[in-house]
Amino acid sequence: MFDYNVDDRIQLKLLEPRYAEEIYHIIVNDRRYLRQWLPWIDGTNGPEDIALFIHSTLEAFKDNNGFHAAIFYQGRIVGCIGLHGIDWQHRKTSIGYWLASGFQGRGIMTKSCHALVRHVILELGINRIEIRAAVQNQRSRAIPERLGFTNEGTIREAEWLYDHYVDHIVYGLLKREWGAKKDLCI
């Protein structure tokens, strides 16, 4: 199991089916905000949709191909973070995350992402980590920038977001860079 204490207020816990209802209610309450950046929001119509996603992430975890965790802040779920699979041959992965709008601006995601990067590099031995974010999503882009990731360029029309395409910035971090940059954000 993946259970990581980021600090005295933030914990990352492997997604479990029992979290489906709570995560669904976060999405319902913050649908308008989250829909700006996440293409799966409109397809999330009940806790059963979250439960199916959680099941798929547990299968990936079982197969040693990434995982997703709930972000707990002061004991309650406020978002999710995870790995979009792991390419073991090339020792690379990518990180995705989302956070309820009411909990942004507190350092929760930066600290959570920092902890996950640390785990991926030191515990899993991954060499390359990517984070992609929509060009206009300044809050999401700020995370890899604070953590010392390198802006490696823009992928044009990288994602269809309901009725339009969005360009993505690709951020990368290499294991050899982590030693010099690991304490930048906190």
N, C-alpha and C. Protein backbone atom coordinates (compact mmCIF):
# COMPACT_ATOMS: atom_id res chain seq x y z
N MET A 1 0.84 -1.19 0.00
CA MET A 1 0.00 0.00 0.00
C MET A 1 0.88 1.25 0.00
N PHE A 2 0.36 2.29 -0.61
CA PHE A 2 1.05 3.57 -0.62
C PHE A 2 0.33 4.49 0.36
N ASP A 3 1.02 4.87 1.41
CA ASP A 3 0.49 5.77 2.43
C ASP A 3 1.66 6.65 2.84
N TYR A 4 1.57 7.96 2.59
CA TYR A 4 2.71 8.83 2.75
C TYR A 4 2.29 10.07 3.53
N ASN A 5 2.95 10.31 4.65
CA ASN A 5 2.70 11.53 5.42
C ASN A 5 3.59 12.63 4.86
N VAL A 6 2.97 13.60 4.23
CA VAL A 6 3.70 14.72 3.64
C VAL A 6 4.16 15.67 4.74
N ASP A 7 3.24 16.01 5.62
CA ASP A 7 3.56 16.81 6.81
C ASP A 7 2.47 16.53 7.84
N ASP A 8 2.37 17.33 8.87
CA ASP A 8 1.39 17.04 9.93
C ASP A 8 -0.06 17.28 9.50
N ARG A 9 -0.29 17.91 8.35
CA ARG A 9 -1.65 18.17 7.87
C ARG A 9 -2.00 17.45 6.58
N ILE A 10 -0.99 17.00 5.82
CA ILE A 10 -1.22 16.43 4.48
C ILE A 10 -0.74 14.98 4.43
N GLN A 11 -1.64 14.10 3.98
CA GLN A 11 -1.30 12.70 3.75
C GLN A 11 -1.74 12.30 2.35
N LEU A 12 -0.97 11.40 1.74
CA LEU A 12 -1.33 10.79 0.48
C LEU A 12 -1.65 9.33 0.77
N LYS A 13 -2.84 8.88 0.36
CA LYS A 13 -3.24 7.50 0.60
C LYS A 13 -3.75 6.90 -0.70
N LEU A 14 -3.27 5.69 -0.99
CA LEU A 14 -3.70 4.98 -2.18
C LEU A 14 -5.22 5.02 -2.27
N LEU A 15 -5.73 5.32 -3.47
CA LEU A 15 -7.18 5.35 -3.65
C LEU A 15 -7.78 3.99 -3.29
N GLU A 16 -8.90 4.04 -2.60
CA GLU A 16 -9.64 2.83 -2.22
C GLU A 16 -11.10 3.04 -2.57
N PRO A 17 -11.83 1.94 -2.83
CA PRO A 17 -13.25 2.07 -3.18
C PRO A 17 -14.06 2.86 -2.17
N ARG A 18 -13.70 2.80 -0.90
CA ARG A 18 -14.47 3.52 0.12
C ARG A 18 -14.39 5.04 -0.03
N TYR A 19 -13.46 5.54 -0.85
CA TYR A 19 -13.34 6.98 -1.08
C TYR A 19 -14.22 7.49 -2.21
N ALA A 20 -14.84 6.59 -2.96
CA ALA A 20 -15.57 6.98 -4.17
C ALA A 20 -16.66 8.02 -3.90
N GLU A 21 -17.45 7.82 -2.91
CA GLU A 21 -18.55 8.73 -2.60
C GLU A 21 -18.02 10.13 -2.26
N GLU A 22 -17.01 10.19 -1.42
CA GLU A 22 -16.46 11.48 -1.00
C GLU A 22 -15.83 12.23 -2.18
N ILE A 23 -15.09 11.51 -3.01
CA ILE A 23 -14.47 12.14 -4.18
C ILE A 23 -15.55 12.63 -5.14
N TYR A 24 -16.58 11.82 -5.33
CA TYR A 24 -17.67 12.24 -6.22
C TYR A 24 -18.31 13.54 -5.72
N HIS A 25 -18.53 13.66 -4.43
CA HIS A 25 -19.15 14.88 -3.90
C HIS A 25 -18.24 16.10 -4.05
N ILE A 26 -16.95 15.90 -3.95
CA ILE A 26 -16.01 17.01 -4.21
C ILE A 26 -16.18 17.48 -5.65
N ILE A 27 -16.24 16.52 -6.57
CA ILE A 27 -16.38 16.85 -7.99
C ILE A 27 -17.70 17.56 -8.26
N VAL A 28 -18.78 17.07 -7.70
CA VAL A 28 -20.09 17.70 -7.89
C VAL A 28 -20.07 19.13 -7.37
N ASN A 29 -19.51 19.33 -6.19
CA ASN A 29 -19.49 20.66 -5.59
C ASN A 29 -18.56 21.64 -6.30
N ASP A 30 -17.59 21.10 -7.05
CA ASP A 30 -16.60 21.96 -7.70
C ASP A 30 -16.58 21.74 -9.22
N ARG A 31 -17.67 21.19 -9.73
CA ARG A 31 -17.73 20.79 -11.15
C ARG A 31 -17.37 21.93 -12.09
N ARG A 32 -17.93 23.10 -11.85
CA ARG A 32 -17.70 24.23 -12.77
C ARG A 32 -16.21 24.58 -12.85
N TYR A 33 -15.53 24.63 -11.71
CA TYR A 33 -14.11 24.94 -11.72
C TYR A 33 -13.31 23.81 -12.36
N LEU A 34 -13.50 22.59 -11.91
CA LEU A 34 -12.72 21.45 -12.40
C LEU A 34 -12.91 21.21 -13.89
N ARG A 35 -14.09 21.48 -14.38
CA ARG A 35 -14.40 21.26 -15.80
C ARG A 35 -13.53 22.13 -16.72
N GLN A 36 -13.02 23.23 -16.22
CA GLN A 36 -12.15 24.09 -17.03
C GLN A 36 -10.89 23.37 -17.49
N TRP A 37 -10.44 22.36 -16.69
CA TRP A 37 -9.14 21.75 -16.94
C TRP A 37 -9.16 20.23 -17.09
N LEU A 38 -10.23 19.58 -16.69
CA LEU A 38 -10.26 18.12 -16.67
C LEU A 38 -11.31 17.57 -17.64
N PRO A 39 -10.89 16.81 -18.63
CA PRO A 39 -11.82 16.35 -19.67
C PRO A 39 -12.79 15.25 -19.24
N TRP A 40 -12.61 14.69 -18.08
CA TRP A 40 -13.45 13.57 -17.63
C TRP A 40 -14.60 13.99 -16.71
N ILE A 41 -14.70 15.26 -16.41
CA ILE A 41 -15.71 15.73 -15.46
C ILE A 41 -17.14 15.43 -15.94
N ASP A 42 -17.46 15.73 -17.19
CA ASP A 42 -18.82 15.51 -17.68
C ASP A 42 -19.20 14.03 -17.71
N GLY A 43 -18.22 13.14 -17.78
CA GLY A 43 -18.49 11.71 -17.78
C GLY A 43 -18.56 11.11 -16.38
N THR A 44 -18.45 11.97 -15.38
CA THR A 44 -18.52 11.51 -13.99
C THR A 44 -19.91 11.86 -13.46
N ASN A 45 -20.79 10.86 -13.47
CA ASN A 45 -22.19 11.10 -13.15
C ASN A 45 -22.67 10.44 -11.87
N GLY A 46 -21.78 9.78 -11.18
CA GLY A 46 -22.14 9.15 -9.92
C GLY A 46 -20.93 8.53 -9.27
N PRO A 47 -21.06 8.15 -8.00
CA PRO A 47 -19.95 7.52 -7.29
C PRO A 47 -19.46 6.24 -7.99
N GLU A 48 -20.35 5.59 -8.73
CA GLU A 48 -19.95 4.36 -9.43
C GLU A 48 -18.90 4.65 -10.50
N ASP A 49 -18.94 5.84 -11.11
CA ASP A 49 -17.90 6.21 -12.09
C ASP A 49 -16.55 6.37 -11.40
N ILE A 50 -16.55 6.95 -10.22
CA ILE A 50 -15.32 7.09 -9.45
C ILE A 50 -14.84 5.71 -9.01
N ALA A 51 -15.76 4.85 -8.59
CA ALA A 51 -15.39 3.50 -8.16
C ALA A 51 -14.73 2.72 -9.30
N LEU A 52 -15.23 2.88 -10.53
CA LEU A 52 -14.60 2.22 -11.68
C LEU A 52 -13.19 2.74 -11.91
N PHE A 53 -13.02 4.05 -11.80
CA PHE A 53 -11.69 4.63 -11.94
C PHE A 53 -10.76 4.09 -10.85
N ILE A 54 -11.23 4.06 -9.62
CA ILE A 54 -10.41 3.56 -8.52
C ILE A 54 -10.01 2.11 -8.78
N HIS A 55 -10.95 1.30 -9.25
CA HIS A 55 -10.65 -0.10 -9.57
C HIS A 55 -9.51 -0.18 -10.60
N SER A 56 -9.58 0.66 -11.63
CA SER A 56 -8.53 0.63 -12.67
C SER A 56 -7.19 1.07 -12.09
N THR A 57 -7.20 2.02 -11.16
CA THR A 57 -5.93 2.46 -10.57
C THR A 57 -5.35 1.40 -9.65
N LEU A 58 -6.21 0.64 -8.98
CA LEU A 58 -5.72 -0.44 -8.13
C LEU A 58 -5.13 -1.58 -8.96
N GLU A 59 -5.71 -1.81 -10.14
CA GLU A 59 -5.14 -2.80 -11.06
C GLU A 59 -3.76 -2.35 -11.53
N ALA A 60 -3.63 -1.08 -11.86
CA ALA A 60 -2.33 -0.54 -12.28
C ALA A 60 -1.32 -0.69 -11.14
N PHE A 61 -1.73 -0.39 -9.93
CA PHE A 61 -0.85 -0.51 -8.77
C PHE A 61 -0.41 -1.97 -8.60
N LYS A 62 -1.37 -2.88 -8.70
CA LYS A 62 -1.07 -4.31 -8.57
C LYS A 62 -0.07 -4.77 -9.64
N ASP A 63 -0.19 -4.19 -10.85
CA ASP A 63 0.69 -4.54 -11.96
C ASP A 63 1.99 -3.74 -11.96
N ASN A 64 2.23 -2.97 -10.90
CA ASN A 64 3.43 -2.14 -10.79
C ASN A 64 3.53 -1.14 -11.94
N ASN A 65 2.39 -0.56 -12.29
CA ASN A 65 2.31 0.36 -13.41
C ASN A 65 1.67 1.69 -13.01
N GLY A 66 2.12 2.22 -11.88
CA GLY A 66 1.61 3.50 -11.42
C GLY A 66 0.55 3.33 -10.36
N PHE A 67 0.06 4.45 -9.87
CA PHE A 67 -0.99 4.45 -8.85
C PHE A 67 -1.56 5.85 -8.72
N HIS A 68 -2.68 5.94 -8.06
CA HIS A 68 -3.28 7.23 -7.75
C HIS A 68 -3.59 7.26 -6.27
N ALA A 69 -3.43 8.43 -5.67
CA ALA A 69 -3.65 8.60 -4.24
C ALA A 69 -4.61 9.75 -3.99
N ALA A 70 -5.38 9.60 -2.92
CA ALA A 70 -6.20 10.70 -2.44
C ALA A 70 -5.29 11.62 -1.63
N ILE A 71 -5.51 12.91 -1.77
CA ILE A 71 -4.79 13.89 -0.96
C ILE A 71 -5.70 14.25 0.20
N PHE A 72 -5.24 13.96 1.40
CA PHE A 72 -5.98 14.30 2.60
C PHE A 72 -5.35 15.55 3.21
N TYR A 73 -6.21 16.51 3.54
CA TYR A 73 -5.76 17.72 4.23
C TYR A 73 -6.56 17.82 5.52
N GLN A 74 -5.89 17.79 6.63
CA GLN A 74 -6.52 17.81 7.95
C GLN A 74 -7.62 16.75 8.04
N GLY A 75 -7.32 15.58 7.51
CA GLY A 75 -8.22 14.44 7.64
C GLY A 75 -9.31 14.29 6.60
N ARG A 76 -9.41 15.21 5.66
CA ARG A 76 -10.45 15.07 4.64
C ARG A 76 -9.86 15.12 3.24
N ILE A 77 -10.49 14.41 2.32
CA ILE A 77 -10.01 14.36 0.94
C ILE A 77 -10.26 15.71 0.28
N VAL A 78 -9.22 16.23 -0.40
CA VAL A 78 -9.34 17.51 -1.09
C VAL A 78 -8.90 17.43 -2.55
N GLY A 79 -8.39 16.28 -2.97
CA GLY A 79 -7.94 16.12 -4.35
C GLY A 79 -7.27 14.78 -4.56
N CYS A 80 -6.66 14.63 -5.72
CA CYS A 80 -5.97 13.38 -6.06
C CYS A 80 -4.67 13.69 -6.80
N ILE A 81 -3.75 12.74 -6.70
CA ILE A 81 -2.47 12.83 -7.39
C ILE A 81 -2.05 11.43 -7.77
N GLY A 82 -1.37 11.29 -8.90
CA GLY A 82 -0.95 9.94 -9.26
C GLY A 82 -0.02 9.90 -10.45
N LEU A 83 0.39 8.68 -10.75
CA LEU A 83 1.28 8.41 -11.87
C LEU A 83 0.47 7.83 -13.02
N HIS A 84 0.67 8.36 -14.21
CA HIS A 84 0.00 7.86 -15.41
C HIS A 84 0.79 6.69 -15.99
N GLY A 85 0.93 5.65 -15.25
CA GLY A 85 1.70 4.51 -15.71
C GLY A 85 3.19 4.75 -15.56
N ILE A 86 3.95 3.66 -15.62
CA ILE A 86 5.41 3.73 -15.51
C ILE A 86 6.00 2.96 -16.67
N ASP A 87 6.90 3.61 -17.39
CA ASP A 87 7.67 2.96 -18.45
C ASP A 87 8.96 2.48 -17.80
N TRP A 88 8.98 1.20 -17.39
CA TRP A 88 10.12 0.67 -16.66
C TRP A 88 11.35 0.52 -17.55
N GLN A 89 11.16 0.26 -18.82
CA GLN A 89 12.31 0.12 -19.71
C GLN A 89 13.12 1.41 -19.77
N HIS A 90 12.41 2.52 -19.87
CA HIS A 90 13.08 3.81 -20.00
C HIS A 90 13.10 4.59 -18.68
N ARG A 91 12.55 3.97 -17.63
CA ARG A 91 12.51 4.55 -16.28
C ARG A 91 11.94 5.96 -16.28
N LYS A 92 10.71 6.07 -16.81
CA LYS A 92 10.06 7.38 -16.84
C LYS A 92 8.58 7.24 -16.51
N THR A 93 8.01 8.33 -16.07
CA THR A 93 6.60 8.38 -15.73
C THR A 93 6.11 9.82 -15.85
N SER A 94 4.81 10.00 -15.67
CA SER A 94 4.25 11.35 -15.62
C SER A 94 3.28 11.44 -14.45
N ILE A 95 3.15 12.63 -13.94
CA ILE A 95 2.31 12.89 -12.77
C ILE A 95 1.10 13.72 -13.20
N GLY A 96 -0.05 13.35 -12.66
CA GLY A 96 -1.27 14.13 -12.85
C GLY A 96 -1.87 14.45 -11.49
N TYR A 97 -2.61 15.53 -11.41
CA TYR A 97 -3.18 15.93 -10.13
C TYR A 97 -4.35 16.88 -10.32
N TRP A 98 -5.18 16.96 -9.32
CA TRP A 98 -6.24 17.97 -9.24
C TRP A 98 -6.53 18.24 -7.77
N LEU A 99 -6.99 19.45 -7.51
CA LEU A 99 -7.26 19.89 -6.15
C LEU A 99 -8.53 20.74 -6.15
N ALA A 100 -9.39 20.50 -5.19
CA ALA A 100 -10.62 21.31 -5.06
C ALA A 100 -10.23 22.78 -4.95
N SER A 101 -11.00 23.63 -5.60
CA SER A 101 -10.65 25.06 -5.66
C SER A 101 -10.54 25.72 -4.29
N GLY A 102 -11.33 25.31 -3.34
CA GLY A 102 -11.31 25.91 -2.02
C GLY A 102 -10.07 25.61 -1.21
N PHE A 103 -9.23 24.71 -1.70
CA PHE A 103 -8.01 24.34 -0.97
C PHE A 103 -6.74 24.77 -1.70
N GLN A 104 -6.90 25.53 -2.76
CA GLN A 104 -5.74 26.01 -3.50
C GLN A 104 -5.12 27.20 -2.78
N GLY A 105 -3.84 27.41 -3.07
CA GLY A 105 -3.14 28.55 -2.48
C GLY A 105 -2.60 28.29 -1.08
N ARG A 106 -2.62 27.03 -0.64
CA ARG A 106 -2.13 26.68 0.70
C ARG A 106 -0.85 25.84 0.65
N GLY A 107 -0.35 25.58 -0.55
CA GLY A 107 0.85 24.75 -0.68
C GLY A 107 0.57 23.26 -0.65
N ILE A 108 -0.69 22.87 -0.61
CA ILE A 108 -1.05 21.45 -0.52
C ILE A 108 -0.53 20.68 -1.72
N MET A 109 -0.79 21.18 -2.92
CA MET A 109 -0.40 20.42 -4.11
C MET A 109 1.10 20.47 -4.32
N THR A 110 1.72 21.59 -4.06
CA THR A 110 3.18 21.66 -4.21
C THR A 110 3.85 20.66 -3.29
N LYS A 111 3.44 20.61 -2.03
CA LYS A 111 4.02 19.67 -1.07
C LYS A 111 3.71 18.22 -1.45
N SER A 112 2.49 17.97 -1.91
CA SER A 112 2.11 16.62 -2.32
C SER A 112 2.91 16.16 -3.51
N CYS A 113 3.06 17.04 -4.48
CA CYS A 113 3.82 16.71 -5.68
C CYS A 113 5.30 16.51 -5.34
N HIS A 114 5.83 17.34 -4.46
CA HIS A 114 7.21 17.21 -4.00
C HIS A 114 7.42 15.83 -3.37
N ALA A 115 6.49 15.42 -2.52
CA ALA A 115 6.59 14.11 -1.87
C ALA A 115 6.53 12.98 -2.89
N LEU A 116 5.64 13.11 -3.87
CA LEU A 116 5.53 12.06 -4.89
C LEU A 116 6.79 11.99 -5.75
N VAL A 117 7.32 13.14 -6.13
CA VAL A 117 8.57 13.16 -6.91
C VAL A 117 9.69 12.49 -6.11
N ARG A 118 9.78 12.83 -4.85
CA ARG A 118 10.80 12.22 -3.98
C ARG A 118 10.65 10.70 -3.97
N HIS A 119 9.43 10.22 -3.78
CA HIS A 119 9.15 8.78 -3.76
C HIS A 119 9.53 8.13 -5.09
N VAL A 120 9.12 8.75 -6.18
CA VAL A 120 9.36 8.19 -7.52
C VAL A 120 10.86 8.09 -7.81
N ILE A 121 11.61 9.09 -7.43
CA ILE A 121 13.05 9.08 -7.71
C ILE A 121 13.81 8.19 -6.73
N LEU A 122 13.56 8.37 -5.45
CA LEU A 122 14.36 7.66 -4.44
C LEU A 122 13.90 6.22 -4.20
N GLU A 123 12.59 5.98 -4.22
CA GLU A 123 12.09 4.64 -3.92
C GLU A 123 11.91 3.77 -5.16
N LEU A 124 11.44 4.38 -6.24
CA LEU A 124 11.18 3.60 -7.46
C LEU A 124 12.35 3.63 -8.44
N GLY A 125 13.27 4.55 -8.27
CA GLY A 125 14.43 4.63 -9.15
C GLY A 125 14.12 5.15 -10.55
N ILE A 126 13.08 5.96 -10.65
CA ILE A 126 12.69 6.53 -11.95
C ILE A 126 13.68 7.65 -12.31
N ASN A 127 14.03 7.73 -13.58
CA ASN A 127 14.99 8.74 -14.06
C ASN A 127 14.32 10.01 -14.56
N ARG A 128 13.14 9.90 -15.17
CA ARG A 128 12.50 11.06 -15.80
C ARG A 128 11.04 11.14 -15.37
N ILE A 129 10.64 12.34 -14.98
CA ILE A 129 9.25 12.60 -14.61
C ILE A 129 8.75 13.77 -15.44
N GLU A 130 7.57 13.61 -16.00
CA GLU A 130 6.92 14.69 -16.75
C GLU A 130 5.66 15.15 -16.03
N ILE A 131 5.38 16.41 -16.17
CA ILE A 131 4.09 16.98 -15.79
C ILE A 131 3.64 17.83 -16.97
N ARG A 132 2.41 17.63 -17.39
CA ARG A 132 1.84 18.43 -18.47
C ARG A 132 0.68 19.23 -17.93
N ALA A 133 0.56 20.47 -18.39
CA ALA A 133 -0.52 21.34 -17.95
C ALA A 133 -0.93 22.24 -19.10
N ALA A 134 -2.21 22.55 -19.14
CA ALA A 134 -2.71 23.47 -20.16
C ALA A 134 -2.01 24.81 -20.02
N VAL A 135 -1.68 25.41 -21.14
CA VAL A 135 -0.97 26.69 -21.15
C VAL A 135 -1.68 27.71 -20.27
N GLN A 136 -3.01 27.77 -20.30
CA GLN A 136 -3.76 28.77 -19.55
C GLN A 136 -3.93 28.43 -18.06
N ASN A 137 -3.59 27.20 -17.68
CA ASN A 137 -3.80 26.77 -16.30
C ASN A 137 -2.59 27.17 -15.44
N GLN A 138 -2.56 28.42 -15.07
CA GLN A 138 -1.42 28.98 -14.34
C GLN A 138 -1.18 28.29 -13.00
N ARG A 139 -2.24 27.94 -12.29
CA ARG A 139 -2.08 27.30 -10.98
C ARG A 139 -1.41 25.93 -11.12
N SER A 140 -1.84 25.17 -12.12
CA SER A 140 -1.25 23.85 -12.34
C SER A 140 0.19 23.96 -12.82
N ARG A 141 0.46 24.91 -13.67
CA ARG A 141 1.82 25.11 -14.18
C ARG A 141 2.77 25.57 -13.09
N ALA A 142 2.27 26.26 -12.10
CA ALA A 142 3.13 26.76 -11.02
C ALA A 142 3.76 25.63 -10.22
N ILE A 143 3.11 24.48 -10.16
CA ILE A 143 3.63 23.37 -9.35
C ILE A 143 4.98 22.90 -9.90
N PRO A 144 5.06 22.44 -11.15
CA PRO A 144 6.38 21.99 -11.63
C PRO A 144 7.41 23.13 -11.68
N GLU A 145 6.95 24.35 -11.90
CA GLU A 145 7.89 25.47 -11.91
C GLU A 145 8.50 25.67 -10.53
N ARG A 146 7.69 25.57 -9.47
CA ARG A 146 8.21 25.69 -8.10
C ARG A 146 9.16 24.55 -7.76
N LEU A 147 8.89 23.38 -8.33
CA LEU A 147 9.69 22.19 -8.01
C LEU A 147 10.96 22.08 -8.86
N GLY A 148 11.20 23.05 -9.72
CA GLY A 148 12.43 23.05 -10.50
C GLY A 148 12.40 22.22 -11.76
N PHE A 149 11.22 21.83 -12.21
CA PHE A 149 11.11 21.14 -13.49
C PHE A 149 11.49 22.10 -14.61
N THR A 150 11.95 21.57 -15.72
CA THR A 150 12.32 22.36 -16.89
C THR A 150 11.14 22.43 -17.85
N ASN A 151 10.81 23.63 -18.30
CA ASN A 151 9.79 23.80 -19.35
C ASN A 151 10.44 23.31 -20.65
N GLU A 152 9.94 22.20 -21.18
CA GLU A 152 10.54 21.59 -22.36
C GLU A 152 9.80 21.94 -23.65
N GLY A 153 8.77 22.72 -23.53
CA GLY A 153 8.09 23.16 -24.74
C GLY A 153 6.58 22.98 -24.69
N THR A 154 5.96 23.35 -25.79
CA THR A 154 4.50 23.33 -25.91
C THR A 154 4.08 22.29 -26.93
N ILE A 155 3.08 21.52 -26.56
CA ILE A 155 2.45 20.60 -27.50
C ILE A 155 1.14 21.27 -27.93
N ARG A 156 1.04 21.59 -29.19
CA ARG A 156 -0.14 22.29 -29.68
C ARG A 156 -1.33 21.35 -29.77
N GLU A 157 -2.49 21.88 -29.38
CA GLU A 157 -3.75 21.14 -29.42
C GLU A 157 -3.58 19.73 -28.87
N ALA A 158 -3.02 19.65 -27.68
CA ALA A 158 -2.70 18.38 -27.05
C ALA A 158 -3.92 17.66 -26.47
N GLU A 159 -4.98 18.43 -26.16
CA GLU A 159 -6.12 17.83 -25.48
C GLU A 159 -7.42 18.48 -25.94
N TRP A 160 -8.43 17.64 -26.18
CA TRP A 160 -9.77 18.12 -26.50
C TRP A 160 -10.50 18.30 -25.19
N LEU A 161 -10.93 19.52 -24.90
CA LEU A 161 -11.59 19.84 -23.64
C LEU A 161 -13.01 20.29 -23.94
N TYR A 162 -13.90 19.32 -24.15
CA TYR A 162 -15.34 19.51 -24.36
C TYR A 162 -15.71 20.16 -25.68
N ASP A 163 -15.23 21.37 -25.95
CA ASP A 163 -15.61 22.06 -27.19
C ASP A 163 -14.44 22.80 -27.84
N HIS A 164 -13.23 22.55 -27.33
CA HIS A 164 -12.05 23.22 -27.88
C HIS A 164 -10.79 22.44 -27.52
N TYR A 165 -9.74 22.71 -28.27
CA TYR A 165 -8.44 22.12 -27.96
C TYR A 165 -7.68 23.05 -27.03
N VAL A 166 -6.82 22.46 -26.20
CA VAL A 166 -5.91 23.25 -25.38
C VAL A 166 -4.48 22.78 -25.65
N ASP A 167 -3.57 23.74 -25.65
CA ASP A 167 -2.15 23.43 -25.77
C ASP A 167 -1.61 23.07 -24.39
N HIS A 168 -0.63 22.18 -24.36
CA HIS A 168 0.00 21.80 -23.10
C HIS A 168 1.46 22.23 -23.06
N ILE A 169 1.89 22.65 -21.90
CA ILE A 169 3.31 22.83 -21.62
C ILE A 169 3.79 21.51 -21.04
N VAL A 170 4.94 21.03 -21.52
CA VAL A 170 5.54 19.82 -20.98
C VAL A 170 6.70 20.23 -20.08
N TYR A 171 6.65 19.78 -18.83
CA TYR A 171 7.71 20.01 -17.87
C TYR A 171 8.40 18.67 -17.60
N GLY A 172 9.73 18.69 -17.50
CA GLY A 172 10.47 17.48 -17.22
C GLY A 172 11.47 17.68 -16.11
N LEU A 173 11.69 16.60 -15.37
CA LEU A 173 12.70 16.60 -14.32
C LEU A 173 13.46 15.28 -14.41
N LEU A 174 14.79 15.36 -14.41
CA LEU A 174 15.64 14.18 -14.44
C LEU A 174 16.19 13.89 -13.05
N LYS A 175 16.43 12.62 -12.80
CA LYS A 175 16.94 12.20 -11.49
C LYS A 175 18.20 12.99 -11.11
N ARG A 176 19.11 13.18 -12.04
CA ARG A 176 20.37 13.89 -11.72
C ARG A 176 20.13 15.35 -11.35
N GLU A 177 19.01 15.92 -11.77
CA GLU A 177 18.67 17.30 -11.43
C GLU A 177 18.04 17.41 -10.05
N TRP A 178 17.46 16.33 -9.58
CA TRP A 178 16.70 16.36 -8.33
C TRP A 178 17.58 16.76 -7.14
N GLY A 179 18.79 16.25 -7.06
CA GLY A 179 19.65 16.57 -5.93
C GLY A 179 19.86 18.06 -5.74
N ALA A 180 20.01 18.80 -6.83
CA ALA A 180 20.24 20.23 -6.75
C ALA A 180 18.94 21.00 -6.54
N LYS A 181 17.81 20.39 -6.88
CA LYS A 181 16.54 21.15 -6.87
C LYS A 181 15.55 20.68 -5.81
N LYS A 182 15.85 19.62 -5.09
CA LYS A 182 14.85 18.98 -4.23
C LYS A 182 14.30 19.86 -3.11
N ASP A 183 14.99 20.88 -2.70
CA ASP A 183 14.50 21.70 -1.60
C ASP A 183 13.99 23.07 -2.05
N LEU A 184 13.77 23.25 -3.34
CA LEU A 184 13.36 24.55 -3.85
C LEU A 184 11.98 24.99 -3.37
N CYS A 185 11.05 24.05 -3.26
CA CYS A 185 9.65 24.46 -3.06
C CYS A 185 9.26 24.63 -1.60
N ILE A 186 9.99 24.04 -0.69
CA ILE A 186 9.48 24.05 0.68
C ILE A 186 10.49 24.56 1.68
